[in-house]
Amino acid sequence: MKKLCMILFRDEFKEFLSLTTMQKLYVWYFCLSLCSLCITDDSPVWAIVLVVLNFANAARLIKKVPLSVDEDNIKMD
């Protein structure tokens, strides 16, 4: 399974491992806060507001992580 993941996501793993420790933490924080947006079933309004504010903070921090965008993979219609 590990070999299969390394074959499929080789470039993404290399890019992720090249980030600094703080940038890796920002990526994990963004992923976890994105997942937490789905846990709003029967929650009080104040809890939903906190989750949305947390995601806004994560979106602010993820902007500090450099993204490598390959121009060849972007399709313009």
N, C-alpha and C. Protein backbone atom coordinates (compact mmCIF):
# COMPACT_ATOMS: atom_id res chain seq x y z
N MET A 1 0.83 -1.20 0.00
CA MET A 1 0.00 0.00 0.00
C MET A 1 0.87 1.25 0.00
N LYS A 2 1.94 1.21 0.79
CA LYS A 2 2.83 2.37 0.86
C LYS A 2 3.50 2.60 -0.50
N LYS A 3 3.89 1.50 -1.17
CA LYS A 3 4.51 1.64 -2.49
C LYS A 3 3.53 2.24 -3.49
N LEU A 4 2.28 1.80 -3.43
CA LEU A 4 1.26 2.32 -4.33
C LEU A 4 1.06 3.82 -4.13
N CYS A 5 0.99 4.24 -2.88
CA CYS A 5 0.83 5.67 -2.58
C CYS A 5 2.04 6.47 -3.06
N MET A 6 3.22 5.91 -2.88
CA MET A 6 4.43 6.62 -3.33
C MET A 6 4.48 6.72 -4.84
N ILE A 7 3.99 5.70 -5.53
CA ILE A 7 3.96 5.76 -7.00
C ILE A 7 2.94 6.79 -7.48
N LEU A 8 1.75 6.80 -6.88
CA LEU A 8 0.68 7.69 -7.31
C LEU A 8 0.94 9.15 -6.96
N PHE A 9 1.46 9.38 -5.75
CA PHE A 9 1.58 10.76 -5.25
C PHE A 9 3.03 11.18 -5.03
N ARG A 10 3.94 10.69 -5.85
CA ARG A 10 5.36 10.97 -5.67
C ARG A 10 5.67 12.46 -5.67
N ASP A 11 5.16 13.17 -6.67
CA ASP A 11 5.46 14.60 -6.78
C ASP A 11 4.86 15.40 -5.64
N GLU A 12 3.64 15.04 -5.22
CA GLU A 12 3.00 15.76 -4.14
C GLU A 12 3.74 15.55 -2.81
N PHE A 13 4.20 14.31 -2.59
CA PHE A 13 4.95 14.05 -1.36
C PHE A 13 6.27 14.81 -1.35
N LYS A 14 6.93 14.87 -2.51
CA LYS A 14 8.19 15.62 -2.58
C LYS A 14 7.95 17.09 -2.27
N GLU A 15 6.87 17.62 -2.83
CA GLU A 15 6.57 19.03 -2.59
C GLU A 15 6.23 19.28 -1.12
N PHE A 16 5.43 18.38 -0.53
CA PHE A 16 5.05 18.54 0.88
C PHE A 16 6.27 18.41 1.79
N LEU A 17 7.15 17.46 1.51
CA LEU A 17 8.32 17.26 2.35
C LEU A 17 9.33 18.38 2.20
N SER A 18 9.26 19.14 1.12
CA SER A 18 10.18 20.25 0.95
C SER A 18 9.76 21.50 1.74
N LEU A 19 8.55 21.49 2.29
CA LEU A 19 8.07 22.63 3.08
C LEU A 19 8.75 22.66 4.43
N THR A 20 8.77 23.84 5.04
CA THR A 20 9.30 23.96 6.39
C THR A 20 8.29 23.37 7.38
N THR A 21 8.72 23.20 8.61
CA THR A 21 7.84 22.62 9.63
C THR A 21 6.61 23.49 9.86
N MET A 22 6.78 24.79 9.90
CA MET A 22 5.64 25.69 10.11
C MET A 22 4.66 25.61 8.94
N GLN A 23 5.18 25.53 7.74
CA GLN A 23 4.30 25.45 6.57
C GLN A 23 3.53 24.13 6.56
N LYS A 24 4.16 23.04 7.00
CA LYS A 24 3.47 21.76 7.12
C LYS A 24 2.35 21.85 8.15
N LEU A 25 2.61 22.54 9.25
CA LEU A 25 1.57 22.72 10.26
C LEU A 25 0.41 23.54 9.72
N TYR A 26 0.69 24.56 8.92
CA TYR A 26 -0.37 25.35 8.30
C TYR A 26 -1.23 24.49 7.39
N VAL A 27 -0.59 23.59 6.62
CA VAL A 27 -1.35 22.72 5.71
C VAL A 27 -2.25 21.78 6.51
N TRP A 28 -1.71 21.16 7.57
CA TRP A 28 -2.53 20.26 8.40
C TRP A 28 -3.65 21.01 9.10
N TYR A 29 -3.36 22.21 9.58
CA TYR A 29 -4.39 23.02 10.25
C TYR A 29 -5.51 23.35 9.28
N PHE A 30 -5.16 23.70 8.04
CA PHE A 30 -6.17 24.00 7.03
C PHE A 30 -7.02 22.77 6.73
N CYS A 31 -6.38 21.61 6.58
CA CYS A 31 -7.11 20.38 6.28
C CYS A 31 -8.08 20.02 7.41
N LEU A 32 -7.62 20.13 8.64
CA LEU A 32 -8.48 19.80 9.78
C LEU A 32 -9.63 20.79 9.93
N SER A 33 -9.36 22.06 9.70
CA SER A 33 -10.44 23.05 9.83
C SER A 33 -11.42 22.93 8.67
N LEU A 34 -10.96 22.51 7.50
CA LEU A 34 -11.87 22.26 6.39
C LEU A 34 -12.80 21.09 6.71
N CYS A 35 -12.25 20.06 7.31
CA CYS A 35 -13.08 18.92 7.72
C CYS A 35 -14.06 19.30 8.82
N SER A 36 -13.65 20.19 9.69
CA SER A 36 -14.54 20.58 10.79
C SER A 36 -15.75 21.38 10.31
N LEU A 37 -15.69 21.93 9.10
CA LEU A 37 -16.85 22.63 8.56
C LEU A 37 -18.02 21.68 8.34
N CYS A 38 -17.76 20.41 8.20
CA CYS A 38 -18.82 19.43 7.95
C CYS A 38 -19.53 18.98 9.24
N ILE A 39 -19.00 19.33 10.38
CA ILE A 39 -19.57 18.86 11.64
C ILE A 39 -20.50 19.91 12.23
N THR A 40 -21.46 20.34 11.47
CA THR A 40 -22.36 21.39 11.95
C THR A 40 -23.79 20.89 12.12
N ASP A 41 -24.00 19.60 12.13
CA ASP A 41 -25.33 19.04 12.27
C ASP A 41 -25.84 19.21 13.69
N ASP A 42 -26.96 19.89 13.85
CA ASP A 42 -27.59 20.14 15.15
C ASP A 42 -26.67 20.84 16.15
N SER A 43 -25.80 21.68 15.65
CA SER A 43 -24.91 22.43 16.53
C SER A 43 -25.52 23.80 16.81
N PRO A 44 -25.21 24.36 17.96
CA PRO A 44 -25.71 25.72 18.23
C PRO A 44 -25.02 26.74 17.31
N VAL A 45 -25.68 27.86 17.16
CA VAL A 45 -25.18 28.89 16.25
C VAL A 45 -23.80 29.37 16.66
N TRP A 46 -23.55 29.52 17.96
CA TRP A 46 -22.24 30.01 18.39
C TRP A 46 -21.13 29.02 18.02
N ALA A 47 -21.42 27.73 18.02
CA ALA A 47 -20.41 26.75 17.65
C ALA A 47 -20.12 26.81 16.15
N ILE A 48 -21.16 27.03 15.35
CA ILE A 48 -20.97 27.16 13.90
C ILE A 48 -20.15 28.40 13.59
N VAL A 49 -20.42 29.49 14.30
CA VAL A 49 -19.66 30.73 14.10
C VAL A 49 -18.18 30.49 14.44
N LEU A 50 -17.90 29.77 15.51
CA LEU A 50 -16.52 29.48 15.88
C LEU A 50 -15.82 28.63 14.82
N VAL A 51 -16.52 27.66 14.26
CA VAL A 51 -15.94 26.80 13.24
C VAL A 51 -15.64 27.61 11.98
N VAL A 52 -16.54 28.50 11.61
CA VAL A 52 -16.32 29.33 10.42
C VAL A 52 -15.17 30.31 10.65
N LEU A 53 -15.08 30.89 11.83
CA LEU A 53 -13.96 31.79 12.14
C LEU A 53 -12.64 31.03 12.15
N ASN A 54 -12.66 29.81 12.65
CA ASN A 54 -11.46 28.98 12.64
C ASN A 54 -11.01 28.69 11.21
N PHE A 55 -11.97 28.39 10.34
CA PHE A 55 -11.63 28.15 8.94
C PHE A 55 -11.09 29.41 8.28
N ALA A 56 -11.65 30.55 8.60
CA ALA A 56 -11.16 31.82 8.04
C ALA A 56 -9.72 32.06 8.46
N ASN A 57 -9.39 31.74 9.69
CA ASN A 57 -8.01 31.89 10.15
C ASN A 57 -7.09 30.91 9.42
N ALA A 58 -7.55 29.69 9.22
CA ALA A 58 -6.75 28.70 8.50
C ALA A 58 -6.52 29.13 7.05
N ALA A 59 -7.55 29.71 6.43
CA ALA A 59 -7.41 30.20 5.06
C ALA A 59 -6.41 31.35 4.99
N ARG A 60 -6.39 32.17 6.01
CA ARG A 60 -5.42 33.27 6.07
C ARG A 60 -4.00 32.72 6.19
N LEU A 61 -3.83 31.69 7.01
CA LEU A 61 -2.49 31.13 7.22
C LEU A 61 -2.00 30.31 6.03
N ILE A 62 -2.91 29.65 5.32
CA ILE A 62 -2.48 28.81 4.19
C ILE A 62 -1.93 29.66 3.06
N LYS A 63 -2.25 30.95 3.05
CA LYS A 63 -1.71 31.84 2.02
C LYS A 63 -0.20 32.02 2.17
N LYS A 64 0.35 31.69 3.34
CA LYS A 64 1.79 31.81 3.57
C LYS A 64 2.57 30.63 3.00
N VAL A 65 1.86 29.58 2.58
CA VAL A 65 2.52 28.39 2.02
C VAL A 65 2.64 28.58 0.51
N PRO A 66 3.86 28.46 -0.02
CA PRO A 66 4.02 28.63 -1.47
C PRO A 66 3.41 27.46 -2.23
N LEU A 67 2.66 27.78 -3.26
CA LEU A 67 2.05 26.76 -4.11
C LEU A 67 2.78 26.71 -5.44
N SER A 68 3.10 25.52 -5.88
CA SER A 68 3.70 25.40 -7.21
C SER A 68 2.58 25.06 -8.18
N VAL A 69 2.33 25.95 -9.10
CA VAL A 69 1.27 25.78 -10.07
C VAL A 69 1.91 25.48 -11.42
N ASP A 70 1.53 24.34 -11.98
CA ASP A 70 2.03 23.95 -13.29
C ASP A 70 1.10 24.51 -14.35
N GLU A 71 1.61 25.41 -15.16
CA GLU A 71 0.79 26.08 -16.18
C GLU A 71 0.27 25.11 -17.23
N ASP A 72 0.96 23.99 -17.45
CA ASP A 72 0.53 23.04 -18.47
C ASP A 72 -0.73 22.28 -18.05
N ASN A 73 -0.95 22.13 -16.75
CA ASN A 73 -2.10 21.37 -16.26
C ASN A 73 -3.38 22.20 -16.14
N ILE A 74 -3.27 23.50 -16.30
CA ILE A 74 -4.43 24.38 -16.18
C ILE A 74 -5.12 24.46 -17.54
N LYS A 75 -6.41 24.11 -17.56
CA LYS A 75 -7.17 24.15 -18.80
C LYS A 75 -7.99 25.42 -18.85
N MET A 76 -7.82 26.18 -19.89
CA MET A 76 -8.58 27.41 -20.09
C MET A 76 -9.62 27.13 -21.19
N ASP A 77 -10.90 27.36 -20.87
CA ASP A 77 -11.96 27.14 -21.87
C ASP A 77 -12.24 28.42 -22.63
